[in-house]
């Protein structure tokens, strides 16, 4: 299922992908470990932010909708909410 935030998340991840390629080049060039660590931290933050945006979007749309349903769908949504929060 495509959510309205998915294109923005894809854009963030593609930017991080390009950044990662640059870092690989930096390693090959023999750049300092401090420079590399800073750049890797930036990529880690970008990916973490993309992951959080995806999870929050899923909670806001899919899980929230299912929680309003009676019966089995509600129970499944609660289990899914519990499972997905471990990634935050």
C-alpha atoms as a PDB file:
ATOM      1  CA  UNK A   1       0.000   0.000   0.000  1.00  0.00           C
ATOM      2  CA  UNK A   2       1.398   3.392  -1.006  1.00  0.00           C
ATOM      3  CA  UNK A   3       0.956   6.211   1.502  1.00  0.00           C
ATOM      4  CA  UNK A   4       1.225   9.891   0.659  1.00  0.00           C
ATOM      5  CA  UNK A   5       4.529  10.156   2.565  1.00  0.00           C
ATOM      6  CA  UNK A   6       6.220   7.317   0.654  1.00  0.00           C
ATOM      7  CA  UNK A   7       7.526   9.534  -2.197  1.00  0.00           C
ATOM      8  CA  UNK A   8       9.196  11.826   0.362  1.00  0.00           C
ATOM      9  CA  UNK A   9      10.701   8.824   2.136  1.00  0.00           C
ATOM     10  CA  UNK A  10      11.989   7.443  -1.167  1.00  0.00           C
ATOM     11  CA  UNK A  11      13.565  10.837  -1.910  1.00  0.00           C
ATOM     12  CA  UNK A  12      15.303  10.847   1.504  1.00  0.00           C
ATOM     13  CA  UNK A  13      16.614   7.322   0.999  1.00  0.00           C
ATOM     14  CA  UNK A  14      17.904   8.095  -2.502  1.00  0.00           C
ATOM     15  CA  UNK A  15      19.729  11.113  -1.115  1.00  0.00           C
ATOM     16  CA  UNK A  16      21.253   8.905   1.601  1.00  0.00           C
ATOM     17  CA  UNK A  17      22.196   6.357  -1.073  1.00  0.00           C
ATOM     18  CA  UNK A  18      24.095   9.028  -3.017  1.00  0.00           C
ATOM     19  CA  UNK A  19      25.739  10.236   0.155  1.00  0.00           C
ATOM     20  CA  UNK A  20      26.828   6.674   0.959  1.00  0.00           C
ATOM     21  CA  UNK A  21      28.442   6.358  -2.466  1.00  0.00           C
ATOM     22  CA  UNK A  22      30.394   9.537  -1.780  1.00  0.00           C
ATOM     23  CA  UNK A  23      31.584   8.135   1.538  1.00  0.00           C
ATOM     24  CA  UNK A  24      32.768   4.963  -0.162  1.00  0.00           C
ATOM     25  CA  UNK A  25      34.797   7.205  -2.464  1.00  0.00           C
ATOM     26  CA  UNK A  26      36.136   9.088   0.550  1.00  0.00           C
ATOM     27  CA  UNK A  27      37.340   5.817   2.057  1.00  0.00           C
ATOM     28  CA  UNK A  28      39.033   4.887  -1.203  1.00  0.00           C
ATOM     29  CA  UNK A  29      40.731   8.313  -1.232  1.00  0.00           C
ATOM     30  CA  UNK A  30      42.079   7.726   2.269  1.00  0.00           C
ATOM     31  CA  UNK A  31      40.145  10.522   3.994  1.00  0.00           C
ATOM     32  CA  UNK A  32      40.435  10.823   7.761  1.00  0.00           C
ATOM     33  CA  UNK A  33      38.483   8.517  10.010  1.00  0.00           C
ATOM     34  CA  UNK A  34      36.934  11.530  11.748  1.00  0.00           C
ATOM     35  CA  UNK A  35      35.567  12.844   8.433  1.00  0.00           C
ATOM     36  CA  UNK A  36      34.233   9.391   7.585  1.00  0.00           C
ATOM     37  CA  UNK A  37      32.628   8.932  11.003  1.00  0.00           C
ATOM     38  CA  UNK A  38      30.866  12.309  10.695  1.00  0.00           C
ATOM     39  CA  UNK A  39      29.534  11.453   7.257  1.00  0.00           C
ATOM     40  CA  UNK A  40      28.416   7.991   8.341  1.00  0.00           C
ATOM     41  CA  UNK A  41      26.597   9.567  11.299  1.00  0.00           C
ATOM     42  CA  UNK A  42      24.760  11.861   8.869  1.00  0.00           C
ATOM     43  CA  UNK A  43      23.639   8.867   6.803  1.00  0.00           C
ATOM     44  CA  UNK A  44      22.591   6.963   9.898  1.00  0.00           C
ATOM     45  CA  UNK A  45      20.455   9.936  10.984  1.00  0.00           C
ATOM     46  CA  UNK A  46      18.893  10.260   7.530  1.00  0.00           C
ATOM     47  CA  UNK A  47      17.949   6.587   7.441  1.00  0.00           C
ATOM     48  CA  UNK A  48      16.653   6.702  11.015  1.00  0.00           C
ATOM     49  CA  UNK A  49      14.474   9.705  10.171  1.00  0.00           C
ATOM     50  CA  UNK A  50      13.115   7.927   7.085  1.00  0.00           C
ATOM     51  CA  UNK A  51      12.326   4.858   9.185  1.00  0.00           C
ATOM     52  CA  UNK A  52      10.534   6.927  11.824  1.00  0.00           C
ATOM     53  CA  UNK A  53       8.503   8.772   9.190  1.00  0.00           C
ATOM     54  CA  UNK A  54       7.463   5.463   7.650  1.00  0.00           C
ATOM     55  CA  UNK A  55       6.461   3.954  11.000  1.00  0.00           C
ATOM     56  CA  UNK A  56       4.565   7.047  12.160  1.00  0.00           C
ATOM     57  CA  UNK A  57       2.736   7.171   8.838  1.00  0.00           C
ATOM     58  CA  UNK A  58       1.822   3.500   9.171  1.00  0.00           C
ATOM     59  CA  UNK A  59       0.556   4.009  12.720  1.00  0.00           C
ATOM     60  CA  UNK A  60      -1.431   7.102  11.737  1.00  0.00           C
ATOM     61  CA  UNK A  61      -3.110   5.527   8.745  1.00  0.00           C
ATOM     62  CA  UNK A  62      -3.183   1.750   8.759  1.00  0.00           C
ATOM     63  CA  UNK A  63      -3.135   0.854  12.421  1.00  0.00           C
ATOM     64  CA  UNK A  64      -5.367   3.724  13.511  1.00  0.00           C
ATOM     65  CA  UNK A  65      -7.980   2.726  10.935  1.00  0.00           C
ATOM     66  CA  UNK A  66      -7.868  -0.919  12.036  1.00  0.00           C
ATOM     67  CA  UNK A  67      -8.119  -0.001  15.716  1.00  0.00           C
ATOM     68  CA  UNK A  68     -11.499   1.555  14.991  1.00  0.00           C
ATOM     69  CA  UNK A  69     -12.751  -1.748  13.590  1.00  0.00           C
ATOM     70  CA  UNK A  70     -14.461  -4.168  15.966  1.00  0.00           C
ATOM     71  CA  UNK A  71     -13.374  -7.758  16.548  1.00  0.00           C
ATOM     72  CA  UNK A  72     -10.392  -9.526  14.998  1.00  0.00           C
ATOM     73  CA  UNK A  73      -9.101  -6.562  12.972  1.00  0.00           C
ATOM     74  CA  UNK A  74      -8.703  -4.590  16.181  1.00  0.00           C
ATOM     75  CA  UNK A  75      -6.724  -7.380  17.840  1.00  0.00           C
ATOM     76  CA  UNK A  76      -4.465  -7.729  14.803  1.00  0.00           C
ATOM     77  CA  UNK A  77      -3.894  -3.957  14.794  1.00  0.00           C
ATOM     78  CA  UNK A  78      -2.913  -4.001  18.473  1.00  0.00           C
ATOM     79  CA  UNK A  79      -0.413  -6.813  17.862  1.00  0.00           C
ATOM     80  CA  UNK A  80       0.988  -4.964  14.865  1.00  0.00           C
ATOM     81  CA  UNK A  81       1.300  -1.731  16.854  1.00  0.00           C
ATOM     82  CA  UNK A  82       3.171  -3.579  19.548  1.00  0.00           C
ATOM     83  CA  UNK A  83       5.483  -5.152  16.965  1.00  0.00           C
ATOM     84  CA  UNK A  84       6.211  -1.983  15.002  1.00  0.00           C
ATOM     85  CA  UNK A  85       7.048   0.160  18.038  1.00  0.00           C
ATOM     86  CA  UNK A  86      10.217  -1.833  18.652  1.00  0.00           C
ATOM     87  CA  UNK A  87      11.640  -0.168  15.525  1.00  0.00           C
ATOM     88  CA  UNK A  88      11.203   3.369  16.864  1.00  0.00           C
END
